[in-house]
C-alpha atoms as a PDB file:
ATOM      1  CA  MET A   1      13.235   5.981   4.692  1.00  0.00           C
ATOM      2  CA  ASP A   2      12.796   7.451   8.315  1.00  0.00           C
ATOM      3  CA  THR A   3      10.314   6.121  10.486  1.00  0.00           C
ATOM      4  CA  MET A   4       7.531   8.712   9.720  1.00  0.00           C
ATOM      5  CA  ALA A   5       7.455   7.963   6.369  1.00  0.00           C
ATOM      6  CA  PHE A   6       8.105   4.244   6.812  1.00  0.00           C
ATOM      7  CA  LEU A   7       4.826   4.355   9.144  1.00  0.00           C
ATOM      8  CA  LEU A   8       2.970   5.860   6.622  1.00  0.00           C
ATOM      9  CA  LEU A   9       3.967   3.528   3.919  1.00  0.00           C
ATOM     10  CA  ALA A  10       3.314   0.836   5.716  1.00  0.00           C
ATOM     11  CA  PHE A  11      -0.065   1.847   7.134  1.00  0.00           C
ATOM     12  CA  SER A  12      -1.389   2.816   3.341  1.00  0.00           C
ATOM     13  CA  SER A  13       0.209  -0.736   1.976  1.00  0.00           C
ATOM     14  CA  LEU A  14      -1.782  -2.855   4.268  1.00  0.00           C
ATOM     15  CA  PHE A  15      -4.945  -0.501   4.324  1.00  0.00           C
ATOM     16  CA  ALA A  16      -5.505  -0.657   0.565  1.00  0.00           C
ATOM     17  CA  VAL A  17      -4.209  -4.379   0.668  1.00  0.00           C
ATOM     18  CA  ILE A  18      -6.499  -5.491   3.465  1.00  0.00           C
ATOM     19  CA  ASP A  19      -9.248  -3.284   2.056  1.00  0.00           C
ATOM     20  CA  PRO A  20     -11.065  -3.108   5.601  1.00  0.00           C
ATOM     21  CA  LEU A  21     -14.044  -1.292   3.580  1.00  0.00           C
ATOM     22  CA  GLY A  22     -14.133  -4.067   1.135  1.00  0.00           C
ATOM     23  CA  CYS A  23     -14.442  -6.604   3.359  1.00  0.00           C
ATOM     24  CA  ILE A  24     -17.785  -5.336   4.388  1.00  0.00           C
ATOM     25  CA  PRO A  25     -19.793  -7.201   2.348  1.00  0.00           C
ATOM     26  CA  PHE A  26     -18.480 -10.596   3.178  1.00  0.00           C
ATOM     27  CA  PHE A  27     -18.419  -9.873   6.634  1.00  0.00           C
ATOM     28  CA  SER A  28     -22.374  -9.227   6.534  1.00  0.00           C
ATOM     29  CA  GLY A  29     -23.043 -11.951   4.619  1.00  0.00           C
ATOM     30  CA  LEU A  30     -21.186 -14.256   6.856  1.00  0.00           C
ATOM     31  CA  THR A  31     -22.146 -13.353   9.900  1.00  0.00           C
ATOM     32  CA  GLY A  32     -25.473 -11.876   9.213  1.00  0.00           C
ATOM     33  CA  GLY A  33     -27.849 -14.464  11.272  1.00  0.00           C
ATOM     34  CA  MET A  34     -25.875 -14.162  14.328  1.00  0.00           C
ATOM     35  CA  GLY A  35     -26.571 -12.004  17.293  1.00  0.00           C
ATOM     36  CA  ALA A  36     -24.464  -8.741  18.104  1.00  0.00           C
ATOM     37  CA  ARG A  37     -22.179 -10.499  20.915  1.00  0.00           C
ATOM     38  CA  ARG A  38     -21.862 -13.530  18.476  1.00  0.00           C
ATOM     39  CA  LYS A  39     -20.389 -11.370  16.009  1.00  0.00           C
ATOM     40  CA  ARG A  40     -18.057  -9.501  17.896  1.00  0.00           C
ATOM     41  CA  ARG A  41     -16.953 -13.031  19.814  1.00  0.00           C
ATOM     42  CA  THR A  42     -16.108 -13.911  15.817  1.00  0.00           C
ATOM     43  CA  LEU A  43     -14.910 -10.904  14.638  1.00  0.00           C
ATOM     44  CA  ALA A  44     -12.523 -10.890  17.489  1.00  0.00           C
ATOM     45  CA  ARG A  45     -11.308 -14.262  16.866  1.00  0.00           C
ATOM     46  CA  ALA A  46     -10.682 -13.538  13.343  1.00  0.00           C
ATOM     47  CA  LEU A  47      -8.369 -10.572  14.175  1.00  0.00           C
ATOM     48  CA  VAL A  48      -6.568 -12.544  16.486  1.00  0.00           C
ATOM     49  CA  VAL A  49      -6.113 -15.159  14.237  1.00  0.00           C
ATOM     50  CA  ALA A  50      -5.312 -12.952  11.153  1.00  0.00           C
ATOM     51  CA  PHE A  51      -2.671 -10.579  13.914  1.00  0.00           C
ATOM     52  CA  GLY A  52      -0.773 -14.321  14.609  1.00  0.00           C
ATOM     53  CA  VAL A  53      -0.334 -15.244  10.362  1.00  0.00           C
ATOM     54  CA  LEU A  54       0.774 -11.862   9.732  1.00  0.00           C
ATOM     55  CA  ALA A  55       3.353 -11.990  12.817  1.00  0.00           C
ATOM     56  CA  VAL A  56       4.377 -14.956  11.565  1.00  0.00           C
ATOM     57  CA  PHE A  57       5.171 -14.088   8.092  1.00  0.00           C
ATOM     58  CA  THR A  58       6.639 -10.651   9.743  1.00  0.00           C
ATOM     59  CA  LEU A  59       9.103 -12.150  12.151  1.00  0.00           C
ATOM     60  CA  PHE A  60      10.443 -15.141  10.222  1.00  0.00           C
ATOM     61  CA  GLY A  61       9.224 -14.293   6.492  1.00  0.00           C
ATOM     62  CA  GLN A  62      13.061 -13.507   5.984  1.00  0.00           C
ATOM     63  CA  HIS A  63      14.369 -16.946   7.188  1.00  0.00           C
ATOM     64  CA  LEU A  64      11.321 -18.717   4.678  1.00  0.00           C
ATOM     65  CA  LEU A  65      13.147 -16.758   1.547  1.00  0.00           C
ATOM     66  CA  HIS A  66      16.544 -17.955   2.475  1.00  0.00           C
ATOM     67  CA  VAL A  67      15.437 -21.299   3.340  1.00  0.00           C
ATOM     68  CA  PHE A  68      14.052 -21.734  -0.131  1.00  0.00           C
ATOM     69  CA  GLY A  69      17.083 -19.987  -1.961  1.00  0.00           C
ATOM     70  CA  ILE A  70      14.448 -16.628  -2.762  1.00  0.00           C
ATOM     71  CA  THR A  71      16.347 -13.223  -3.286  1.00  0.00           C
ATOM     72  CA  LEU A  72      14.337  -9.955  -1.951  1.00  0.00           C
ATOM     73  CA  ASP A  73      14.472  -8.544  -5.245  1.00  0.00           C
ATOM     74  CA  ALA A  74      12.778 -11.702  -7.011  1.00  0.00           C
ATOM     75  CA  PHE A  75      10.101 -11.151  -3.846  1.00  0.00           C
ATOM     76  CA  ARG A  76       9.694  -7.357  -4.482  1.00  0.00           C
ATOM     77  CA  ILE A  77       9.036  -8.063  -7.944  1.00  0.00           C
ATOM     78  CA  ALA A  78       6.617 -10.986  -7.605  1.00  0.00           C
ATOM     79  CA  GLY A  79       5.358  -8.631  -4.647  1.00  0.00           C
ATOM     80  CA  GLY A  80       4.765  -5.801  -6.895  1.00  0.00           C
ATOM     81  CA  VAL A  81       2.979  -7.977  -9.884  1.00  0.00           C
ATOM     82  CA  ILE A  82       0.538  -9.435  -7.414  1.00  0.00           C
ATOM     83  CA  PHE A  83      -0.288  -5.778  -5.958  1.00  0.00           C
ATOM     84  CA  PHE A  84      -0.669  -4.272  -9.248  1.00  0.00           C
ATOM     85  CA  GLY A  85      -3.279  -7.378 -10.213  1.00  0.00           C
ATOM     86  CA  ILE A  86      -5.411  -6.389  -6.903  1.00  0.00           C
ATOM     87  CA  GLY A  87      -4.998  -2.495  -7.663  1.00  0.00           C
ATOM     88  CA  LEU A  88      -5.950  -3.477 -11.263  1.00  0.00           C
ATOM     89  CA  ASP A  89      -9.068  -5.296 -10.026  1.00  0.00           C
ATOM     90  CA  MET A  90      -9.746  -2.642  -7.826  1.00  0.00           C
ATOM     91  CA  LEU A  91      -9.813   0.239 -10.345  1.00  0.00           C
ATOM     92  CA  GLN A  92     -11.700  -1.670 -12.587  1.00  0.00           C
ATOM     93  CA  SER A  93     -14.358  -2.866  -9.683  1.00  0.00           C
ATOM     94  CA  GLN A  94     -14.060  -6.653 -10.473  1.00  0.00           C
ATOM     95  CA  PRO A  95     -13.887  -9.097  -8.292  1.00  0.00           C
ATOM     96  CA  ARG A  96     -10.633  -9.337  -6.504  1.00  0.00           C
ATOM     97  CA  ARG A  97      -8.886 -12.685  -7.383  1.00  0.00           C
ATOM     98  CA  TRP A  98      -7.521 -13.483  -4.463  1.00  0.00           C
ATOM     99  CA  ARG A  99     -11.341 -13.187  -2.701  1.00  0.00           C
ATOM    100  CA  THR A 100     -13.059 -15.233  -5.487  1.00  0.00           C
ATOM    101  CA  GLY A 101     -14.936 -17.973  -4.416  1.00  0.00           C
ATOM    102  CA  ILE A 102     -14.562 -17.440  -0.541  1.00  0.00           C
ATOM    103  CA  ARG A 103     -18.414 -17.482  -0.582  1.00  0.00           C
ATOM    104  CA  ARG A 104     -18.351 -20.749  -2.834  1.00  0.00           C
ATOM    105  CA  ALA A 105     -15.630 -22.663  -0.920  1.00  0.00           C
ATOM    106  CA  TYR A 106     -17.526 -21.637   2.218  1.00  0.00           C
ATOM    107  CA  ALA A 107     -20.694 -23.272   1.158  1.00  0.00           C
ATOM    108  CA  GLU A 108     -18.836 -26.465  -0.307  1.00  0.00           C
ATOM    109  CA  ASP A 109     -17.408 -26.897   3.162  1.00  0.00           C
ATOM    110  CA  HIS A 110     -20.697 -26.013   4.531  1.00  0.00           C
ATOM    111  CA  PRO A 111     -23.478 -27.847   2.553  1.00  0.00           C
ATOM    112  CA  HIS A 112     -26.087 -28.004   4.975  1.00  0.00           C
ATOM    113  CA  ALA A 113     -25.746 -24.634   6.126  1.00  0.00           C
ATOM    114  CA  ALA A 114     -28.089 -22.032   5.341  1.00  0.00           C
ATOM    115  CA  ASP A 115     -26.920 -18.436   3.864  1.00  0.00           C
ATOM    116  CA  ALA A 116     -25.597 -17.483   7.407  1.00  0.00           C
ATOM    117  CA  PRO A 117     -23.727 -19.455   9.335  1.00  0.00           C
ATOM    118  CA  GLY A 118     -25.468 -21.474  12.593  1.00  0.00           C
ATOM    119  CA  GLU A 119     -23.923 -21.929  16.002  1.00  0.00           C
ATOM    120  CA  ASP A 120     -22.049 -24.782  14.359  1.00  0.00           C
ATOM    121  CA  ASP A 121     -20.353 -22.983  11.791  1.00  0.00           C
ATOM    122  CA  ASP A 122     -17.986 -20.513  12.780  1.00  0.00           C
ATOM    123  CA  PRO A 123     -16.290 -18.466  10.067  1.00  0.00           C
ATOM    124  CA  SER A 124     -13.850 -16.765  12.184  1.00  0.00           C
ATOM    125  CA  ILE A 125     -10.751 -18.847  11.028  1.00  0.00           C
ATOM    126  CA  THR A 126     -11.917 -19.046   7.485  1.00  0.00           C
ATOM    127  CA  PRO A 127     -12.434 -17.431   5.790  1.00  0.00           C
ATOM    128  CA  LEU A 128     -12.324 -14.058   7.823  1.00  0.00           C
ATOM    129  CA  ALA A 129      -8.786 -14.235   9.097  1.00  0.00           C
ATOM    130  CA  ILE A 130      -7.754 -16.724   6.104  1.00  0.00           C
ATOM    131  CA  PRO A 131      -8.144 -15.443   3.775  1.00  0.00           C
ATOM    132  CA  LEU A 132      -9.733 -12.299   4.055  1.00  0.00           C
ATOM    133  CA  LEU A 133      -7.809 -10.370   6.593  1.00  0.00           C
ATOM    134  CA  ALA A 134      -4.346 -12.499   6.263  1.00  0.00           C
ATOM    135  CA  GLY A 135      -4.493 -13.423   2.757  1.00  0.00           C
ATOM    136  CA  PRO A 136      -1.803 -13.540   0.171  1.00  0.00           C
ATOM    137  CA  GLY A 137      -1.752  -9.667  -0.612  1.00  0.00           C
ATOM    138  CA  SER A 138      -1.251  -8.718   3.282  1.00  0.00           C
ATOM    139  CA  ILE A 139       1.398 -11.544   4.123  1.00  0.00           C
ATOM    140  CA  THR A 140       3.264 -10.502   0.886  1.00  0.00           C
ATOM    141  CA  THR A 141       3.013  -6.808   2.371  1.00  0.00           C
ATOM    142  CA  VAL A 142       4.626  -7.384   5.610  1.00  0.00           C
ATOM    143  CA  MET A 143       7.468  -9.665   4.145  1.00  0.00           C
ATOM    144  CA  VAL A 144       8.296  -7.020   1.465  1.00  0.00           C
ATOM    145  CA  LEU A 145       8.030  -4.153   4.208  1.00  0.00           C
ATOM    146  CA  VAL A 146      10.387  -5.450   7.000  1.00  0.00           C
ATOM    147  CA  PRO A 147      13.388  -4.879   4.752  1.00  0.00           C
ATOM    148  CA  GLN A 148      12.650  -1.423   3.890  1.00  0.00           C
ATOM    149  CA  ALA A 149      12.117  -0.788   7.444  1.00  0.00           C
ATOM    150  CA  PRO A 150      14.609   1.661   9.513  1.00  0.00           C
ATOM    151  CA  PRO A 151      17.290  -0.795  11.177  1.00  0.00           C
ATOM    152  CA  VAL A 152      16.774  -2.721  14.283  1.00  0.00           C
ATOM    153  CA  GLN A 153      13.297  -1.733  14.983  1.00  0.00           C
ATOM    154  CA  GLY A 154      11.983  -3.005  11.605  1.00  0.00           C
ATOM    155  CA  PRO A 155       9.846  -5.707  12.577  1.00  0.00           C
ATOM    156  CA  LEU A 156       8.308  -4.109  15.490  1.00  0.00           C
ATOM    157  CA  LEU A 157       7.073  -0.663  12.955  1.00  0.00           C
ATOM    158  CA  VAL A 158       5.662  -3.284  10.850  1.00  0.00           C
ATOM    159  CA  LEU A 159       4.008  -5.029  13.315  1.00  0.00           C
ATOM    160  CA  GLY A 160       2.614  -1.857  15.022  1.00  0.00           C
ATOM    161  CA  ALA A 161       0.997  -1.171  11.567  1.00  0.00           C
ATOM    162  CA  VAL A 162      -0.593  -4.791  11.605  1.00  0.00           C
ATOM    163  CA  LEU A 163      -1.712  -4.013  14.662  1.00  0.00           C
ATOM    164  CA  LEU A 164      -3.029  -0.951  13.734  1.00  0.00           C
ATOM    165  CA  ILE A 165      -4.868  -1.681  10.849  1.00  0.00           C
ATOM    166  CA  LEU A 166      -6.661  -4.595  12.206  1.00  0.00           C
ATOM    167  CA  VAL A 167      -7.900  -2.533  15.242  1.00  0.00           C
ATOM    168  CA  LEU A 168      -9.100   0.003  12.434  1.00  0.00           C
ATOM    169  CA  SER A 169     -10.566  -3.041  10.495  1.00  0.00           C
ATOM    170  CA  GLY A 170     -12.740  -4.426  13.542  1.00  0.00           C
ATOM    171  CA  ALA A 171     -14.070  -1.232  14.385  1.00  0.00           C
ATOM    172  CA  ILE A 172     -14.992  -0.845  10.722  1.00  0.00           C
ATOM    173  CA  LEU A 173     -16.542  -4.171  10.390  1.00  0.00           C
ATOM    174  CA  LEU A 174     -18.491  -3.884  13.634  1.00  0.00           C
ATOM    175  CA  GLY A 175     -20.136  -0.758  12.620  1.00  0.00           C
ATOM    176  CA  ALA A 176     -20.593  -2.463   8.879  1.00  0.00           C
ATOM    177  CA  ASP A 177     -24.438  -1.000   9.001  1.00  0.00           C
ATOM    178  CA  ARG A 178     -23.436   2.430   9.872  1.00  0.00           C
ATOM    179  CA  VAL A 179     -20.783   2.697   7.225  1.00  0.00           C
ATOM    180  CA  LEU A 180     -22.984   1.599   4.315  1.00  0.00           C
ATOM    181  CA  ALA A 181     -25.685   3.807   5.560  1.00  0.00           C
ATOM    182  CA  ARG A 182     -23.013   6.619   5.754  1.00  0.00           C
ATOM    183  CA  LEU A 183     -20.972   6.190   2.545  1.00  0.00           C
ATOM    184  CA  GLY A 184     -23.214   4.324   0.452  1.00  0.00           C
ATOM    185  CA  ASN A 185     -22.555   1.992  -2.654  1.00  0.00           C
ATOM    186  CA  SER A 186     -20.783   5.177  -4.517  1.00  0.00           C
ATOM    187  CA  GLY A 187     -18.749   6.148  -1.724  1.00  0.00           C
ATOM    188  CA  LEU A 188     -17.436   2.479  -1.150  1.00  0.00           C
ATOM    189  CA  ARG A 189     -16.802   2.342  -5.049  1.00  0.00           C
ATOM    190  CA  ILE A 190     -14.880   6.035  -4.847  1.00  0.00           C
ATOM    191  CA  ILE A 191     -12.682   4.798  -1.714  1.00  0.00           C
ATOM    192  CA  GLU A 192     -12.029   1.439  -3.560  1.00  0.00           C
ATOM    193  CA  LYS A 193     -10.863   3.157  -6.972  1.00  0.00           C
ATOM    194  CA  LEU A 194      -8.560   5.505  -4.831  1.00  0.00           C
ATOM    195  CA  MET A 195      -6.932   2.588  -2.610  1.00  0.00           C
ATOM    196  CA  GLY A 196      -6.630   0.675  -6.225  1.00  0.00           C
ATOM    197  CA  LEU A 197      -4.742   3.502  -7.890  1.00  0.00           C
ATOM    198  CA  LEU A 198      -2.456   3.779  -4.279  1.00  0.00           C
ATOM    199  CA  LEU A 199      -2.026   0.113  -4.767  1.00  0.00           C
ATOM    200  CA  THR A 200      -0.728  -0.131  -8.414  1.00  0.00           C
ATOM    201  CA  VAL A 201       1.718   3.257  -8.184  1.00  0.00           C
ATOM    202  CA  ILE A 202       3.000   0.858  -4.866  1.00  0.00           C
ATOM    203  CA  ALA A 203       3.261  -2.007  -7.006  1.00  0.00           C
ATOM    204  CA  VAL A 204       5.333  -0.671  -9.541  1.00  0.00           C
ATOM    205  CA  GLN A 205       7.689   1.200  -7.465  1.00  0.00           C
ATOM    206  CA  LEU A 206       8.156  -2.431  -5.809  1.00  0.00           C
ATOM    207  CA  VAL A 207       8.938  -3.471  -9.296  1.00  0.00           C
ATOM    208  CA  ILE A 208      11.527  -0.942  -9.957  1.00  0.00           C
ATOM    209  CA  ASP A 209      13.002  -1.333  -6.249  1.00  0.00           C
ATOM    210  CA  GLY A 210      13.682  -5.084  -7.569  1.00  0.00           C
ATOM    211  CA  VAL A 211      14.521  -4.260 -10.792  1.00  0.00           C
ATOM    212  CA  VAL A 212      17.303  -1.835 -10.423  1.00  0.00           C
ATOM    213  CA  PRO A 213      19.920  -3.845  -8.188  1.00  0.00           C
ATOM    214  CA  ILE A 214      19.404  -7.056 -10.603  1.00  0.00           C
ATOM    215  CA  VAL A 215      20.434  -4.541 -13.536  1.00  0.00           C
ATOM    216  CA  GLY A 216      23.244  -2.962 -11.502  1.00  0.00           C
ATOM    217  CA  ARG A 217      24.767  -6.450 -10.798  1.00  0.00           C
ATOM    218  CA  MET A 218      24.884  -7.435 -14.843  1.00  0.00           C
ATOM    219  CA  PRO A 219      28.373  -7.057 -16.117  1.00  0.00           C
ATOM    220  CA  GLY A 220      28.751  -3.745 -18.123  1.00  0.00           C
END
């Protein structure tokens, strides 16, 4: 796979999994009572933390697989299954399995908080950075992408795609109200379904990429 094709794959995969448009309702709900300056500061902190988490798994994810004795083919298949579940949820407009309970968990951790976080309740790390931006889906994505990247520069290309997606996500979330006004609920649903379709196709390809080498190693 050449560099441009890989960057396109990395960008589309991460965009579909992180789904910044789908993050808008969560971000708006968690920062609704904040002023513009504090909202920007909270988002910036969340983006930095998310990048740090994804960078760690991009650079050292393969070593973790080796430590636990997990083959790359097995991880590709597992990643495909995870992506397929997320994509299916998006196609059916169902609550994302890996996002379910974010608000409930936040409320349980902050029983005396109002609907919107107060000055002492900072949602930037949890749940905005983890698991909203750097969750199971995006962590799996970067770990699967690195081995598929062109040699030598692979991790750098993945980190570049992560940085680009997070910057784009930050711009979208900062303009959440304007995005909602322009696209409306119907527009967001259409984009979500397109991203879901893309993600399910990527999921099937990952499973194929993981199964074919295993079948090829079987005694004939």
